[in-house]
Protein backbone atom coordinates (compact mmCIF):
# COMPACT_ATOMS: atom_id res chain seq x y z
CA MET A 1 4.17 15.90 -79.51
CA LEU A 2 5.63 12.87 -77.68
CA ASN A 3 7.35 10.27 -79.81
CA SER A 4 6.45 6.57 -79.46
CA CYS A 5 9.21 5.69 -76.99
CA SER A 6 8.34 8.70 -74.84
CA ILE A 7 4.71 7.57 -74.70
CA GLU A 8 5.79 4.05 -73.72
CA ASN A 9 8.08 5.35 -70.98
CA LYS A 10 5.38 7.69 -69.67
CA LEU A 11 2.79 4.90 -69.48
CA ALA A 12 5.33 2.53 -67.91
CA MET A 13 6.05 5.03 -65.15
CA GLU A 14 2.30 5.48 -64.59
CA PHE A 15 2.13 1.75 -63.88
CA VAL A 16 5.19 1.90 -61.60
CA HIS A 17 3.54 4.57 -59.47
CA SER A 18 0.25 2.61 -59.17
CA ARG A 19 1.69 -0.87 -58.57
CA ASP A 20 0.87 -0.97 -54.84
CA SER A 21 -2.82 -1.35 -55.72
CA ILE A 22 -2.38 -4.73 -57.45
CA ALA A 23 -3.18 -8.07 -55.80
CA LEU A 24 -1.70 -11.28 -57.22
CA TYR A 25 -3.02 -14.78 -56.58
CA LEU A 26 -0.13 -17.21 -56.99
CA ILE A 27 -0.85 -20.77 -58.12
CA ARG A 28 1.81 -23.46 -57.93
CA PRO A 29 1.95 -26.76 -59.87
CA GLU A 30 1.33 -30.03 -58.05
CA ILE A 31 4.48 -31.73 -59.38
CA VAL A 32 7.80 -30.95 -60.98
CA PHE A 33 8.42 -32.78 -64.25
CA LYS A 34 11.87 -34.37 -64.44
CA THR A 35 13.41 -35.34 -67.77
CA ASN A 36 16.65 -37.22 -68.30
CA LEU A 37 17.95 -36.44 -71.79
CA LYS A 38 20.83 -38.93 -71.49
CA GLU A 39 18.98 -42.03 -72.65
CA TRP A 40 22.02 -42.96 -74.76
CA GLN A 41 23.83 -43.80 -71.53
CA ILE A 42 21.36 -46.58 -70.63
CA GLN A 43 22.13 -50.04 -71.98
CA ASP A 44 19.35 -51.72 -74.00
CA PHE A 45 17.09 -48.68 -73.54
CA ASP A 46 15.24 -49.34 -76.80
CA LYS A 47 14.33 -52.85 -75.65
CA MET A 48 12.55 -51.63 -72.49
CA THR A 49 8.84 -50.99 -72.03
CA ALA A 50 7.75 -47.37 -71.58
CA GLN A 51 7.39 -47.89 -67.83
CA GLN A 52 10.84 -49.48 -67.59
CA GLN A 53 12.30 -46.61 -69.60
CA ASP A 54 10.78 -44.01 -67.24
CA SER A 55 12.17 -45.83 -64.20
CA ALA A 56 15.60 -46.30 -65.77
CA LEU A 57 15.82 -42.67 -66.86
CA LEU A 58 15.16 -41.33 -63.37
CA ALA A 59 17.38 -43.93 -61.68
CA ASN A 60 20.27 -43.00 -63.97
CA THR A 61 20.25 -39.30 -63.14
CA LEU A 62 22.86 -37.67 -60.95
CA PHE A 63 20.66 -34.86 -59.64
CA LEU A 64 16.99 -35.24 -60.56
CA LYS A 65 16.44 -38.31 -58.40
CA GLU A 66 17.62 -36.26 -55.40
CA ILE A 67 15.21 -33.35 -56.00
CA ASP A 68 12.18 -33.11 -53.71
CA ASP A 69 9.25 -31.49 -55.52
CA THR A 70 7.72 -29.88 -52.44
CA LEU A 71 11.02 -28.51 -51.18
CA ILE A 72 12.11 -26.99 -54.47
CA LEU A 73 8.68 -25.41 -55.09
CA ASN A 74 8.59 -24.05 -51.53
CA ARG A 75 11.99 -22.44 -52.04
CA PHE A 76 10.91 -20.93 -55.33
CA PHE A 77 7.60 -19.52 -54.12
CA SER A 78 9.10 -18.14 -50.92
CA SER A 79 11.63 -16.18 -52.98
CA PHE A 80 9.03 -15.33 -55.65
CA SER A 81 6.44 -14.01 -53.19
CA ASN A 82 8.98 -12.01 -51.17
CA GLU A 83 10.33 -10.33 -54.29
CA LEU A 84 6.83 -9.53 -55.59
CA SER A 85 6.16 -7.83 -52.25
CA ARG A 86 9.39 -5.87 -52.63
CA PHE A 87 8.10 -4.68 -56.01
CA GLY A 88 5.01 -3.32 -54.25
CA PHE A 89 2.50 -6.03 -55.17
CA LEU A 90 0.19 -7.83 -52.74
CA PRO A 91 0.83 -11.58 -53.28
CA PHE A 92 -1.57 -14.23 -51.99
CA GLU A 93 -1.48 -18.03 -52.05
CA GLN A 94 -4.04 -20.77 -51.43
CA ASP A 95 -3.85 -20.50 -47.64
CA ASN A 96 -5.05 -16.88 -47.78
CA LEU A 97 -7.42 -17.17 -50.75
CA ALA A 98 -10.28 -15.64 -48.73
CA ASP A 99 -8.24 -12.47 -48.19
CA PHE A 100 -7.49 -12.29 -51.91
CA LEU A 101 -11.14 -12.70 -52.89
CA SER A 102 -12.20 -9.97 -50.47
CA SER A 103 -9.55 -7.57 -51.77
CA GLU A 104 -10.82 -4.55 -53.68
CA ASN A 105 -7.52 -4.10 -55.49
CA ARG A 106 -6.90 -4.78 -59.17
CA SER A 107 -6.43 -8.54 -59.27
CA TYR A 108 -4.39 -10.93 -61.37
CA GLN A 109 -3.93 -14.69 -61.28
CA VAL A 110 -0.30 -15.71 -61.72
CA ALA A 111 -0.09 -19.45 -62.36
CA LEU A 112 3.13 -21.38 -62.67
CA VAL A 113 1.42 -23.96 -64.85
CA GLN A 114 4.44 -26.21 -65.35
CA THR A 115 8.00 -26.62 -64.13
CA GLU A 116 10.41 -29.00 -65.82
CA LEU A 117 13.92 -30.00 -64.83
CA GLU A 118 16.05 -31.46 -67.63
CA GLU A 119 19.30 -33.26 -66.88
CA ASP A 120 21.80 -33.46 -69.71
CA VAL A 121 25.48 -33.06 -70.60
CA TYR A 122 26.96 -30.12 -72.46
CA PRO A 123 29.85 -30.78 -74.89
CA TYR A 124 32.58 -28.23 -74.19
CA ARG A 125 35.83 -27.87 -76.14
CA ALA A 126 38.83 -25.84 -75.06
CA GLU A 127 41.11 -25.04 -77.97
CA GLU A 128 44.09 -22.90 -78.88
CA VAL A 129 46.47 -22.61 -81.83
CA PHE A 130 50.23 -23.07 -81.28
CA TYR A 131 53.18 -22.96 -83.68
CA ASP A 132 51.14 -20.72 -86.02
CA SER A 133 48.88 -23.45 -87.38
CA VAL A 134 48.59 -26.43 -85.00
CA LEU A 135 45.28 -26.63 -83.19
CA PHE A 136 45.31 -28.25 -79.75
CA TYR A 137 42.05 -29.07 -78.03
CA GLU A 138 40.53 -30.92 -75.10
CA ASP A 139 36.92 -32.13 -75.00
CA PHE A 140 34.68 -32.37 -71.93
CA LEU A 141 31.13 -33.38 -71.16
CA LEU A 142 29.82 -31.02 -68.49
CA ASN A 143 26.78 -31.94 -66.41
CA THR A 144 23.90 -29.50 -66.68
CA VAL A 145 20.35 -29.12 -65.38
CA ASN A 146 17.94 -26.86 -67.27
CA ILE A 147 14.99 -25.33 -65.44
CA ASN A 148 12.09 -24.64 -67.80
CA VAL A 149 8.97 -22.81 -66.62
CA TRP A 150 5.60 -21.89 -68.14
CA PHE A 151 3.49 -19.11 -66.61
CA ASP A 152 -0.07 -18.04 -67.30
CA ILE A 153 -1.02 -14.53 -66.12
CA ALA A 154 -4.65 -13.42 -66.31
CA ARG A 155 -6.42 -10.26 -65.16
CA LEU A 156 -9.50 -11.18 -63.15
CA ASN A 157 -12.96 -9.64 -63.49
CA GLU A 158 -12.02 -8.32 -66.91
CA PRO A 159 -13.88 -10.25 -69.66
CA THR A 160 -12.03 -8.52 -72.51
CA ALA A 161 -8.56 -8.98 -71.02
CA SER A 162 -6.20 -11.28 -72.88
CA ASN A 163 -3.80 -13.67 -71.21
CA ASN A 164 -0.67 -15.27 -72.59
CA LEU A 165 1.29 -18.44 -72.04
CA LEU A 166 4.79 -17.33 -71.04
CA TYR A 167 8.03 -19.31 -71.06
CA SER A 168 11.53 -18.99 -69.67
CA SER A 169 14.54 -21.26 -69.20
CA HIS A 170 17.76 -21.08 -67.18
CA TYR A 171 20.45 -23.62 -66.34
CA VAL A 172 23.18 -24.58 -63.92
CA MET A 173 26.20 -26.68 -64.94
CA ASP A 174 29.69 -27.87 -64.09
CA GLN A 175 32.27 -25.09 -64.22
CA ILE A 176 35.74 -25.48 -65.66
CA GLU A 177 38.74 -23.14 -65.56
CA GLY A 178 41.91 -23.93 -67.44
CA ARG A 179 44.57 -22.94 -69.94
CA PHE A 180 46.94 -24.56 -72.37
CA VAL A 181 50.56 -24.76 -71.27
CA ASN A 182 53.34 -25.01 -73.86
CA ASN A 183 56.64 -26.63 -72.86
CA LEU A 184 59.21 -24.67 -74.88
CA PHE A 185 61.84 -27.39 -74.56
CA THR A 186 59.77 -30.45 -75.52
CA ARG A 187 57.14 -28.51 -77.54
CA GLU A 188 54.51 -30.53 -75.66
CA VAL A 189 51.19 -28.77 -75.11
CA LYS A 190 48.92 -29.76 -72.24
CA TYR A 191 45.63 -28.38 -70.99
CA LYS A 192 45.74 -27.79 -67.25
CA TYR A 193 42.40 -27.20 -65.63
CA ASN A 194 40.27 -27.25 -62.49
CA LEU A 195 36.82 -28.79 -62.70
CA PHE A 196 34.15 -27.59 -60.29
CA PRO A 197 31.34 -30.18 -60.44
CA MET A 198 27.80 -28.97 -59.85
CA LYS A 199 25.84 -30.37 -56.92
CA THR A 200 22.16 -30.99 -56.29
CA GLU A 201 22.12 -27.99 -53.97
CA ASN A 202 23.05 -25.80 -56.95
CA VAL A 203 19.65 -26.63 -58.48
CA TYR A 204 17.87 -25.55 -55.31
CA ALA A 205 20.01 -22.42 -55.18
CA LEU A 206 19.13 -21.54 -58.76
CA MET A 207 15.42 -21.87 -57.98
CA LEU A 208 15.85 -19.29 -55.20
CA ILE A 209 17.51 -16.93 -57.66
CA LEU A 210 14.82 -17.56 -60.26
CA GLY A 211 12.13 -16.67 -57.72
CA LYS A 212 13.56 -13.15 -57.70
CA THR A 213 14.22 -13.11 -61.44
CA TYR A 214 10.70 -14.18 -62.40
CA ALA A 215 9.13 -11.72 -59.96
CA GLY A 216 10.87 -9.07 -62.05
CA TYR A 217 9.63 -10.71 -65.24
CA VAL A 218 6.05 -10.67 -63.87
CA PHE A 219 6.38 -6.99 -63.00
CA ASP A 220 7.65 -6.22 -66.48
CA TYR A 221 4.86 -8.25 -68.08
CA LEU A 222 2.15 -6.40 -66.16
CA MET A 223 3.83 -3.07 -66.84
CA ASN A 224 4.00 -3.74 -70.58
CA GLU A 225 0.43 -5.03 -70.56
CA TYR A 226 -0.59 -1.68 -69.03
CA VAL A 227 1.38 0.19 -71.69
CA HIS A 228 -0.24 -1.86 -74.47
CA ARG A 229 -3.74 -1.39 -73.05
CA ASN A 230 -3.38 2.39 -72.72
CA PHE A 231 -1.34 3.08 -75.84
CA THR A 232 -2.45 5.34 -78.67
CA PRO A 233 -5.56 3.76 -80.30
CA GLY A 234 -4.71 1.93 -83.51
CA LYS A 235 -1.00 1.70 -82.67
CA LYS A 236 1.20 -0.75 -80.78
CA PRO A 237 4.25 -0.16 -78.57
CA LYS A 238 7.53 -0.72 -80.38
CA VAL A 239 9.58 -1.90 -77.40
CA TYR A 240 9.14 -4.23 -74.43
CA LEU A 241 10.36 -2.41 -71.34
CA HIS A 242 12.12 -3.48 -68.14
CA PHE A 243 11.85 -1.68 -64.81
CA ASP A 244 15.00 -1.45 -62.69
CA PRO A 245 13.93 -1.13 -59.02
CA GLU A 246 17.42 0.00 -58.01
CA THR A 247 17.44 3.07 -60.28
CA GLY A 248 13.69 3.53 -60.63
CA LYS A 249 14.08 3.76 -64.41
CA VAL A 250 12.76 1.80 -67.39
CA TYR A 251 14.69 0.67 -70.45
CA PRO A 252 14.39 -1.99 -73.19
CA ALA A 253 14.30 -5.49 -71.67
CA GLY A 254 16.22 -7.24 -74.46
CA ASP A 255 16.30 -10.99 -73.83
CA GLU A 256 15.77 -10.67 -70.06
CA ARG A 257 12.04 -11.33 -70.19
CA PHE A 258 9.39 -13.99 -70.69
CA VAL A 259 8.99 -15.52 -74.15
CA PHE A 260 5.41 -15.33 -75.45
CA LEU A 261 4.00 -18.67 -76.63
CA LYS A 262 0.87 -19.41 -78.60
CA GLU A 263 -1.56 -21.60 -76.67
């Protein structure tokens, strides 16, 4: 008799071997939401009208005001679609909707329902103890941009199929490298460091990376949905699996996956 994990692995590999028969219709959002979380930097913010606040928040960003919605979504979906193809899926977008509708393959709608960019600062402290008990530290505020996404994946022509709202978040930020230096003669301790400020292009670059990352997340979601749908009646899988295309093997996904949200 197969144990639970063996059944899950077996079903997952069944999905892997049948993936080339799946068509995906990709839907992109019309806009990218941009949120500046640094309202405390804006003088008299509380005295402004809501419209003035929105304008001031965007104007006082370092990166968000430079982001072009169309460009960043194009970069993401180019990477996303290419990686889905590499996984063996058949991705379609609005310009080839007719081909998708005429496809006889198993079909899913993969909608990126919302994308949000959040600009903020991250408080970072470098610290080290010298002379047995004296703590030396240096504080920094590092610029960061969080990319938050919400996906909705639905199997088409399947009235009983369930769909879930899925979430994920990644970030890019300033990088700092340094160390404390102790002058043995003066007993003075200084923190010497190099700061590598992030640039707007780093946000675009991260979206390219996330296109590949989320293609993998979509594959894993559909694979686990297949496992759940075909699992032993009355029982549920105990682990959410990840497929590694380099090794051709499956193993527990851990945190590298979508987060399930209640709609």
